[in-house]
PDB file of N, CA and C in Angstrom:
ATOM      1  N   MET A   1     125.541  29.368-309.340  1.00  0.00           N
ATOM      2  CA  MET A   1     126.283  30.514-309.127  1.00  0.00           C
ATOM      3  C   MET A   1     127.787  30.084-308.855  1.00  0.00           C
ATOM      4  N   PRO A   2     128.696  30.687-309.363  1.00  0.00           N
ATOM      5  CA  PRO A   2     130.164  30.115-309.176  1.00  0.00           C
ATOM      6  C   PRO A   2     130.511  30.543-307.765  1.00  0.00           C
ATOM      7  N   LEU A   3     131.593  29.874-307.223  1.00  0.00           N
ATOM      8  CA  LEU A   3     132.268  30.278-306.031  1.00  0.00           C
ATOM      9  C   LEU A   3     132.906  31.577-306.140  1.00  0.00           C
ATOM     10  N   THR A   4     132.685  32.517-305.205  1.00  0.00           N
ATOM     11  CA  THR A   4     133.336  33.774-305.373  1.00  0.00           C
ATOM     12  C   THR A   4     134.806  33.592-304.982  1.00  0.00           C
ATOM     13  N   HIS A   5     135.630  34.074-305.899  1.00  0.00           N
ATOM     14  CA  HIS A   5     137.042  33.629-305.975  1.00  0.00           C
ATOM     15  C   HIS A   5     137.789  34.736-306.568  1.00  0.00           C
ATOM     16  N   SER A   6     138.976  35.003-306.193  1.00  0.00           N
ATOM     17  CA  SER A   6     139.887  36.070-306.893  1.00  0.00           C
ATOM     18  C   SER A   6     141.370  35.637-306.732  1.00  0.00           C
ATOM     19  N   VAL A   7     142.131  36.279-307.599  1.00  0.00           N
ATOM     20  CA  VAL A   7     143.586  35.971-307.610  1.00  0.00           C
ATOM     21  C   VAL A   7     144.424  37.243-307.283  1.00  0.00           C
ATOM     22  N   GLY A   8     145.428  37.042-306.367  1.00  0.00           N
ATOM     23  CA  GLY A   8     146.266  38.349-306.112  1.00  0.00           C
ATOM     24  C   GLY A   8     147.377  38.314-307.002  1.00  0.00           C
ATOM     25  N   LEU A   9     147.699  39.513-307.576  1.00  0.00           N
ATOM     26  CA  LEU A   9     148.806  39.603-308.391  1.00  0.00           C
ATOM     27  C   LEU A   9     149.875  40.624-307.981  1.00  0.00           C
ATOM     28  N   VAL A  10     151.053  40.343-308.115  1.00  0.00           N
ATOM     29  CA  VAL A  10     152.120  41.416-307.872  1.00  0.00           C
ATOM     30  C   VAL A  10     153.008  41.355-309.004  1.00  0.00           C
ATOM     31  N   GLU A  11     153.169  42.533-309.705  1.00  0.00           N
ATOM     32  CA  GLU A  11     153.967  42.680-310.855  1.00  0.00           C
ATOM     33  C   GLU A  11     153.540  41.483-311.972  1.00  0.00           C
ATOM     34  N   GLY A  12     152.316  41.272-312.170  1.00  0.00           N
ATOM     35  CA  GLY A  12     151.885  40.252-313.054  1.00  0.00           C
ATOM     36  C   GLY A  12     152.006  38.742-312.688  1.00  0.00           C
ATOM     37  N   ARG A  13     152.674  38.623-311.555  1.00  0.00           N
ATOM     38  CA  ARG A  13     152.770  37.047-311.127  1.00  0.00           C
ATOM     39  C   ARG A  13     151.709  36.818-310.152  1.00  0.00           C
ATOM     40  N   GLU A  14     151.076  35.578-310.266  1.00  0.00           N
ATOM     41  CA  GLU A  14     150.062  35.147-309.305  1.00  0.00           C
ATOM     42  C   GLU A  14     150.727  34.798-307.953  1.00  0.00           C
ATOM     43  N   ILE A  15     150.195  35.513-306.898  1.00  0.00           N
ATOM     44  CA  ILE A  15     150.737  35.131-305.580  1.00  0.00           C
ATOM     45  C   ILE A  15     149.944  34.265-304.762  1.00  0.00           C
ATOM     46  N   ALA A  16     148.577  34.383-304.888  1.00  0.00           N
ATOM     47  CA  ALA A  16     147.676  33.656-304.042  1.00  0.00           C
ATOM     48  C   ALA A  16     146.290  33.711-304.671  1.00  0.00           C
ATOM     49  N   ASP A  17     145.495  32.530-304.335  1.00  0.00           N
ATOM     50  CA  ASP A  17     144.104  32.495-304.658  1.00  0.00           C
ATOM     51  C   ASP A  17     143.493  33.016-303.357  1.00  0.00           C
ATOM     52  N   PHE A  18     142.236  33.664-303.554  1.00  0.00           N
ATOM     53  CA  PHE A  18     141.467  34.076-302.330  1.00  0.00           C
ATOM     54  C   PHE A  18     140.078  33.550-302.505  1.00  0.00           C
ATOM     55  N   VAL A  19     139.434  33.221-301.315  1.00  0.00           N
ATOM     56  CA  VAL A  19     138.075  32.873-301.221  1.00  0.00           C
ATOM     57  C   VAL A  19     137.432  33.989-300.471  1.00  0.00           C
ATOM     58  N   HIS A  20     136.099  34.413-300.894  1.00  0.00           N
ATOM     59  CA  HIS A  20     135.445  35.400-300.158  1.00  0.00           C
ATOM     60  C   HIS A  20     134.295  35.029-299.412  1.00  0.00           C
ATOM     61  N   CYS A  21     133.953  35.728-298.438  1.00  0.00           N
ATOM     62  CA  CYS A  21     132.748  35.516-297.503  1.00  0.00           C
ATOM     63  C   CYS A  21     131.495  35.879-298.406  1.00  0.00           C
ATOM     64  N   CYS A  22     130.558  35.055-298.356  1.00  0.00           N
ATOM     65  CA  CYS A  22     129.332  35.372-299.277  1.00  0.00           C
ATOM     66  C   CYS A  22     128.617  36.399-298.650  1.00  0.00           C
ATOM     67  N   HIS A  23     128.789  36.722-297.481  1.00  0.00           N
ATOM     68  CA  HIS A  23     128.008  37.823-296.852  1.00  0.00           C
ATOM     69  C   HIS A  23     128.688  39.113-296.691  1.00  0.00           C
ATOM     70  N   CYS A  24     129.924  39.269-296.193  1.00  0.00           N
ATOM     71  CA  CYS A  24     130.497  40.590-295.848  1.00  0.00           C
ATOM     72  C   CYS A  24     131.644  40.753-296.946  1.00  0.00           C
ATOM     73  N   GLN A  25     131.956  39.751-297.901  1.00  0.00           N
ATOM     74  CA  GLN A  25     132.842  39.942-298.849  1.00  0.00           C
ATOM     75  C   GLN A  25     134.389  39.944-298.364  1.00  0.00           C
ATOM     76  N   ARG A  26     134.625  39.545-296.983  1.00  0.00           N
ATOM     77  CA  ARG A  26     135.992  39.528-296.523  1.00  0.00           C
ATOM     78  C   ARG A  26     136.823  38.420-297.243  1.00  0.00           C
ATOM     79  N   ALA A  27     137.977  38.603-297.466  1.00  0.00           N
ATOM     80  CA  ALA A  27     138.747  37.484-298.381  1.00  0.00           C
ATOM     81  C   ALA A  27     139.868  36.958-297.464  1.00  0.00           C
ATOM     82  N   TRP A  28     140.075  35.639-297.767  1.00  0.00           N
ATOM     83  CA  TRP A  28     141.126  34.995-297.142  1.00  0.00           C
ATOM     84  C   TRP A  28     141.936  34.184-298.241  1.00  0.00           C
ATOM     85  N   PRO A  29     143.446  34.261-298.122  1.00  0.00           N
ATOM     86  CA  PRO A  29     144.026  33.297-299.002  1.00  0.00           C
ATOM     87  C   PRO A  29     143.562  31.840-298.801  1.00  0.00           C
ATOM     88  N   VAL A  30     143.357  31.197-300.028  1.00  0.00           N
ATOM     89  CA  VAL A  30     142.900  29.789-299.826  1.00  0.00           C
ATOM     90  C   VAL A  30     143.849  28.952-299.028  1.00  0.00           C
ATOM     91  N   ARG A  31     145.173  29.085-299.325  1.00  0.00           N
ATOM     92  CA  ARG A  31     146.169  28.268-298.708  1.00  0.00           C
ATOM     93  C   ARG A  31     146.041  28.505-297.239  1.00  0.00           C
ATOM     94  N   ALA A  32     145.879  29.592-296.761  1.00  0.00           N
ATOM     95  CA  ALA A  32     145.903  30.040-295.209  1.00  0.00           C
ATOM     96  C   ALA A  32     144.643  29.336-294.639  1.00  0.00           C
ATOM     97  N   ALA A  33     143.606  29.387-295.323  1.00  0.00           N
ATOM     98  CA  ALA A  33     142.379  28.796-294.796  1.00  0.00           C
ATOM     99  C   ALA A  33     142.479  27.360-294.701  1.00  0.00           C
ATOM    100  N   ILE A  34     143.022  26.587-295.652  1.00  0.00           N
ATOM    101  CA  ILE A  34     143.292  25.136-295.578  1.00  0.00           C
ATOM    102  C   ILE A  34     144.233  24.779-294.542  1.00  0.00           C
ATOM    103  N   ASP A  35     145.291  25.532-294.337  1.00  0.00           N
ATOM    104  CA  ASP A  35     146.327  25.305-293.310  1.00  0.00           C
ATOM    105  C   ASP A  35     145.741  25.522-291.890  1.00  0.00           C
ATOM    106  N   SER A  36     144.788  26.525-291.673  1.00  0.00           N
ATOM    107  CA  SER A  36     144.294  26.630-290.373  1.00  0.00           C
ATOM    108  C   SER A  36     143.321  25.548-290.158  1.00  0.00           C
ATOM    109  N   HIS A  37     142.614  25.121-291.183  1.00  0.00           N
ATOM    110  CA  HIS A  37     141.604  23.990-291.000  1.00  0.00           C
ATOM    111  C   HIS A  37     142.349  22.733-290.572  1.00  0.00           C
ATOM    112  N   LEU A  38     143.531  22.566-291.159  1.00  0.00           N
ATOM    113  CA  LEU A  38     144.344  21.423-290.727  1.00  0.00           C
ATOM    114  C   LEU A  38     144.907  21.352-289.459  1.00  0.00           C
ATOM    115  N   ARG A  39     145.224  22.630-288.835  1.00  0.00           N
ATOM    116  CA  ARG A  39     145.522  22.853-287.505  1.00  0.00           C
ATOM    117  C   ARG A  39     144.402  22.725-286.533  1.00  0.00           C
ATOM    118  N   GLY A  40     143.154  22.533-287.054  1.00  0.00           N
ATOM    119  CA  GLY A  40     141.929  22.434-286.144  1.00  0.00           C
ATOM    120  C   GLY A  40     141.386  23.745-285.802  1.00  0.00           C
ATOM    121  N   GLU A  41     141.824  24.874-286.372  1.00  0.00           N
ATOM    122  CA  GLU A  41     141.212  26.217-286.284  1.00  0.00           C
ATOM    123  C   GLU A  41     140.160  26.395-287.277  1.00  0.00           C
ATOM    124  N   LYS A  42     139.187  27.358-286.970  1.00  0.00           N
ATOM    125  CA  LYS A  42     138.163  27.437-287.951  1.00  0.00           C
ATOM    126  C   LYS A  42     138.229  28.843-288.565  1.00  0.00           C
ATOM    127  N   ALA A  43     138.748  28.889-289.867  1.00  0.00           N
ATOM    128  CA  ALA A  43     139.053  30.054-290.608  1.00  0.00           C
ATOM    129  C   ALA A  43     137.840  30.498-291.361  1.00  0.00           C
ATOM    130  N   LEU A  44     137.054  29.427-291.939  1.00  0.00           N
ATOM    131  CA  LEU A  44     136.041  29.701-292.885  1.00  0.00           C
ATOM    132  C   LEU A  44     134.680  28.864-292.328  1.00  0.00           C
ATOM    133  N   GLY A  45     133.687  29.455-292.488  1.00  0.00           N
ATOM    134  CA  GLY A  45     132.347  28.717-292.194  1.00  0.00           C
ATOM    135  C   GLY A  45     131.678  28.389-293.422  1.00  0.00           C
ATOM    136  N   TRP A  46     130.383  27.926-293.452  1.00  0.00           N
ATOM    137  CA  TRP A  46     129.663  27.473-294.589  1.00  0.00           C
ATOM    138  C   TRP A  46     128.231  28.047-294.330  1.00  0.00           C
ATOM    139  N   CYS A  47     127.689  28.709-295.339  1.00  0.00           N
ATOM    140  CA  CYS A  47     126.383  29.115-295.330  1.00  0.00           C
ATOM    141  C   CYS A  47     125.365  28.087-296.127  1.00  0.00           C
ATOM    142  N   GLY A  48     124.579  27.452-295.378  1.00  0.00           N
ATOM    143  CA  GLY A  48     123.690  26.400-296.022  1.00  0.00           C
ATOM    144  C   GLY A  48     122.761  27.152-296.948  1.00  0.00           C
ATOM    145  N   LYS A  49     122.171  28.253-296.699  1.00  0.00           N
ATOM    146  CA  LYS A  49     121.296  28.992-297.604  1.00  0.00           C
ATOM    147  C   LYS A  49     121.806  29.340-298.902  1.00  0.00           C
ATOM    148  N   CYS A  50     123.184  29.974-298.792  1.00  0.00           N
ATOM    149  CA  CYS A  50     123.903  30.454-299.819  1.00  0.00           C
ATOM    150  C   CYS A  50     124.527  29.538-300.643  1.00  0.00           C
ATOM    151  N   ALA A  51     124.922  28.362-299.913  1.00  0.00           N
ATOM    152  CA  ALA A  51     125.817  27.264-300.386  1.00  0.00           C
ATOM    153  C   ALA A  51     127.185  27.755-300.825  1.00  0.00           C
ATOM    154  N   ARG A  52     127.857  28.549-300.006  1.00  0.00           N
ATOM    155  CA  ARG A  52     129.033  29.294-300.140  1.00  0.00           C
ATOM    156  C   ARG A  52     129.793  29.315-298.888  1.00  0.00           C
ATOM    157  N   PRO A  53     131.171  29.536-298.936  1.00  0.00           N
ATOM    158  CA  PRO A  53     132.019  29.765-297.793  1.00  0.00           C
ATOM    159  C   PRO A  53     131.599  31.210-297.219  1.00  0.00           C
ATOM    160  N   CYS A  54     131.638  31.259-295.793  1.00  0.00           N
ATOM    161  CA  CYS A  54     131.459  32.519-295.134  1.00  0.00           C
ATOM    162  C   CYS A  54     132.372  32.567-293.966  1.00  0.00           C
ATOM    163  N   CYS A  55     132.597  33.826-293.421  1.00  0.00           N
ATOM    164  CA  CYS A  55     133.537  33.863-292.308  1.00  0.00           C
ATOM    165  C   CYS A  55     132.798  33.516-291.045  1.00  0.00           C
ATOM    166  N   PRO A  56     133.502  33.083-289.973  1.00  0.00           N
ATOM    167  CA  PRO A  56     132.795  32.710-288.748  1.00  0.00           C
ATOM    168  C   PRO A  56     131.911  33.675-288.218  1.00  0.00           C
ATOM    169  N   ALA A  57     132.272  34.991-288.376  1.00  0.00           N
ATOM    170  CA  ALA A  57     131.360  36.077-287.744  1.00  0.00           C
ATOM    171  C   ALA A  57     129.995  36.099-288.416  1.00  0.00           C
ATOM    172  N   CYS A  58     129.883  35.704-289.686  1.00  0.00           N
ATOM    173  CA  CYS A  58     128.774  35.832-290.562  1.00  0.00           C
ATOM    174  C   CYS A  58     127.970  34.435-290.638  1.00  0.00           C
ATOM    175  N   GLU A  59     128.501  33.462-290.058  1.00  0.00           N
ATOM    176  CA  GLU A  59     127.842  31.967-290.141  1.00  0.00           C
ATOM    177  C   GLU A  59     126.560  32.004-289.533  1.00  0.00           C
ATOM    178  N   ALA A  60     126.264  32.738-288.350  1.00  0.00           N
ATOM    179  CA  ALA A  60     125.026  32.603-287.572  1.00  0.00           C
ATOM    180  C   ALA A  60     123.849  33.298-288.343  1.00  0.00           C
ATOM    181  N   ARG A  61     124.140  34.132-289.360  1.00  0.00           N
ATOM    182  CA  ARG A  61     123.085  34.821-290.046  1.00  0.00           C
ATOM    183  C   ARG A  61     123.289  34.902-291.513  1.00  0.00           C
ATOM    184  N   CYS A  62     122.274  34.752-292.256  1.00  0.00           N
ATOM    185  CA  CYS A  62     122.375  34.809-293.690  1.00  0.00           C
ATOM    186  C   CYS A  62     121.977  36.164-294.223  1.00  0.00           C
ATOM    187  N   VAL A  63     122.772  37.142-294.464  1.00  0.00           N
ATOM    188  CA  VAL A  63     122.351  38.378-294.993  1.00  0.00           C
ATOM    189  C   VAL A  63     123.613  38.687-296.037  1.00  0.00           C
ATOM    190  N   PRO A  64     123.252  38.279-297.225  1.00  0.00           N
ATOM    191  CA  PRO A  64     124.329  38.569-298.369  1.00  0.00           C
ATOM    192  C   PRO A  64     124.693  40.029-298.598  1.00  0.00           C
ATOM    193  N   VAL A  65     125.583  40.347-299.100  1.00  0.00           N
ATOM    194  CA  VAL A  65     125.965  41.853-299.276  1.00  0.00           C
ATOM    195  C   VAL A  65     125.040  42.465-300.038  1.00  0.00           C
ATOM    196  N   GLU A  66     124.423  41.896-301.057  1.00  0.00           N
ATOM    197  CA  GLU A  66     123.263  42.461-302.002  1.00  0.00           C
ATOM    198  C   GLU A  66     122.119  42.920-301.157  1.00  0.00           C
ATOM    199  N   GLN A  67     121.774  41.997-300.051  1.00  0.00           N
ATOM    200  CA  GLN A  67     120.705  42.153-299.308  1.00  0.00           C
ATOM    201  C   GLN A  67     120.886  43.258-298.258  1.00  0.00           C
ATOM    202  N   MET A  68     122.215  43.374-297.871  1.00  0.00           N
ATOM    203  CA  MET A  68     122.519  44.610-296.918  1.00  0.00           C
ATOM    204  C   MET A  68     122.423  45.904-297.576  1.00  0.00           C
ATOM    205  N   LEU A  69     122.879  45.907-298.881  1.00  0.00           N
ATOM    206  CA  LEU A  69     122.745  47.178-299.739  1.00  0.00           C
ATOM    207  C   LEU A  69     121.213  47.528-299.884  1.00  0.00           C
ATOM    208  N   THR A  70     120.350  46.400-300.242  1.00  0.00           N
ATOM    209  CA  THR A  70     118.996  46.796-300.437  1.00  0.00           C
ATOM    210  C   THR A  70     118.280  47.182-298.995  1.00  0.00           C
ATOM    211  N   ASN A  71     118.829  46.596-297.838  1.00  0.00           N
ATOM    212  CA  ASN A  71     118.192  47.070-296.613  1.00  0.00           C
ATOM    213  C   ASN A  71     118.649  48.521-296.354  1.00  0.00           C
ATOM    214  N   ILE A  72     119.888  48.921-296.587  1.00  0.00           N
ATOM    215  CA  ILE A  72     120.266  50.207-296.465  1.00  0.00           C
ATOM    216  C   ILE A  72     119.518  51.269-297.277  1.00  0.00           C
ATOM    217  N   GLU A  73     119.302  50.900-298.553  1.00  0.00           N
ATOM    218  CA  GLU A  73     118.558  51.722-299.508  1.00  0.00           C
ATOM    219  C   GLU A  73     117.072  51.963-299.079  1.00  0.00           C
ATOM    220  N   ALA A  74     116.596  50.819-298.477  1.00  0.00           N
ATOM    221  CA  ALA A  74     115.134  50.806-298.059  1.00  0.00           C
ATOM    222  C   ALA A  74     114.976  51.375-296.806  1.00  0.00           C
ATOM    223  N   GLY A  75     116.027  51.777-295.895  1.00  0.00           N
ATOM    224  CA  GLY A  75     115.945  52.384-294.633  1.00  0.00           C
ATOM    225  C   GLY A  75     115.811  51.300-293.567  1.00  0.00           C
ATOM    226  N   ARG A  76     115.856  49.908-293.893  1.00  0.00           N
ATOM    227  CA  ARG A  76     115.917  48.986-292.908  1.00  0.00           C
ATOM    228  C   ARG A  76     117.180  48.770-292.249  1.00  0.00           C
ATOM    229  N   ASP A  77     117.230  47.980-291.041  1.00  0.00           N
ATOM    230  CA  ASP A  77     118.508  47.673-290.358  1.00  0.00           C
ATOM    231  C   ASP A  77     119.328  46.937-291.395  1.00  0.00           C
ATOM    232  N   GLU A  78     120.585  47.105-291.597  1.00  0.00           N
ATOM    233  CA  GLU A  78     121.429  46.563-292.554  1.00  0.00           C
ATOM    234  C   GLU A  78     121.445  45.081-292.461  1.00  0.00           C
ATOM    235  N   LEU A  79     121.425  44.543-291.260  1.00  0.00           N
ATOM    236  CA  LEU A  79     121.548  43.134-290.870  1.00  0.00           C
ATOM    237  C   LEU A  79     120.161  42.385-290.827  1.00  0.00           C
ATOM    238  N   ALA A  80     119.154  43.017-291.451  1.00  0.00           N
ATOM    239  CA  ALA A  80     117.772  42.355-291.457  1.00  0.00           C
ATOM    240  C   ALA A  80     117.809  41.311-292.523  1.00  0.00           C
ATOM    241  N   GLU A  81     117.325  40.149-292.283  1.00  0.00           N
ATOM    242  CA  GLU A  81     117.329  39.163-293.183  1.00  0.00           C
ATOM    243  C   GLU A  81     116.283  39.544-294.300  1.00  0.00           C
ATOM    244  N   ARG A  82     116.190  38.687-295.391  1.00  0.00           N
ATOM    245  CA  ARG A  82     115.368  38.910-296.484  1.00  0.00           C
ATOM    246  C   ARG A  82     113.812  39.002-295.939  1.00  0.00           C
ATOM    247  N   PRO A  83     113.053  39.951-296.347  1.00  0.00           N
ATOM    248  CA  PRO A  83     111.727  39.958-295.883  1.00  0.00           C
ATOM    249  C   PRO A  83     110.997  38.812-296.595  1.00  0.00           C
ATOM    250  N   ALA A  84     109.946  38.331-295.833  1.00  0.00           N
ATOM    251  CA  ALA A  84     109.226  37.142-296.434  1.00  0.00           C
ATOM    252  C   ALA A  84     107.983  37.759-297.284  1.00  0.00           C
ATOM    253  N   PHE A  85     107.917  37.134-298.392  1.00  0.00           N
ATOM    254  CA  PHE A  85     106.787  37.451-299.222  1.00  0.00           C
ATOM    255  C   PHE A  85     105.894  36.295-299.407  1.00  0.00           C
ATOM    256  N   SER A  86     104.643  36.530-299.528  1.00  0.00           N
ATOM    257  CA  SER A  86     103.665  35.444-299.907  1.00  0.00           C
ATOM    258  C   SER A  86     102.800  35.768-301.077  1.00  0.00           C
ATOM    259  N   PHE A  87     102.502  34.861-301.811  1.00  0.00           N
ATOM    260  CA  PHE A  87     101.528  35.088-302.933  1.00  0.00           C
ATOM    261  C   PHE A  87     100.249  34.403-302.789  1.00  0.00           C
ATOM    262  N   ILE A  88      99.248  35.276-302.775  1.00  0.00           N
ATOM    263  CA  ILE A  88      97.854  34.804-302.541  1.00  0.00           C
ATOM    264  C   ILE A  88      97.105  35.009-303.844  1.00  0.00           C
ATOM    265  N   PRO A  89      96.696  33.998-304.568  1.00  0.00           N
ATOM    266  CA  PRO A  89      96.083  34.197-305.821  1.00  0.00           C
ATOM    267  C   PRO A  89      94.624  34.576-305.654  1.00  0.00           C
ATOM    268  N   ARG A  90      94.174  35.534-306.452  1.00  0.00           N
ATOM    269  CA  ARG A  90      92.789  36.002-306.352  1.00  0.00           C
ATOM    270  C   ARG A  90      91.968  35.191-307.403  1.00  0.00           C
ATOM    271  N   GLN A  91      90.793  34.995-307.112  1.00  0.00           N
ATOM    272  CA  GLN A  91      89.819  34.247-307.899  1.00  0.00           C
ATOM    273  C   GLN A  91      89.598  35.081-309.191  1.00  0.00           C
ATOM    274  N   ILE A  92      89.708  34.430-310.329  1.00  0.00           N
ATOM    275  CA  ILE A  92      89.394  35.111-311.616  1.00  0.00           C
ATOM    276  C   ILE A  92      87.902  34.914-311.921  1.00  0.00           C
ATOM    277  N   GLU A  93      87.200  35.989-312.031  1.00  0.00           N
ATOM    278  CA  GLU A  93      85.767  35.898-312.437  1.00  0.00           C
ATOM    279  C   GLU A  93      85.682  35.802-314.011  1.00  0.00           C
ATOM    280  N   GLY A  94      84.827  35.062-314.290  1.00  0.00           N
ATOM    281  CA  GLY A  94      84.572  35.029-315.782  1.00  0.00           C
ATOM    282  C   GLY A  94      83.766  33.944-316.399  1.00  0.00           C
TER     283      GLY A  94
END
């Protein structure tokens, strides 16, 4: 999967690259995120399950935006993590 990334344009000119949180889709200018990291501040986190950048608020839980929408459609809490499924093979008679 490619890194979620976008470009801001004003009158057809590129003004900034943006990186998005893999969970809530919040966007940060890449330059601002790098500058804050160099100052010792934490602007972006990292989700080990998604292997993508995320905002500090979403770093403690892994609920991608697609899962949030699925949860809402299914009537579950929107921040519920992915439900666990297991496959139990049945014996084939024959």
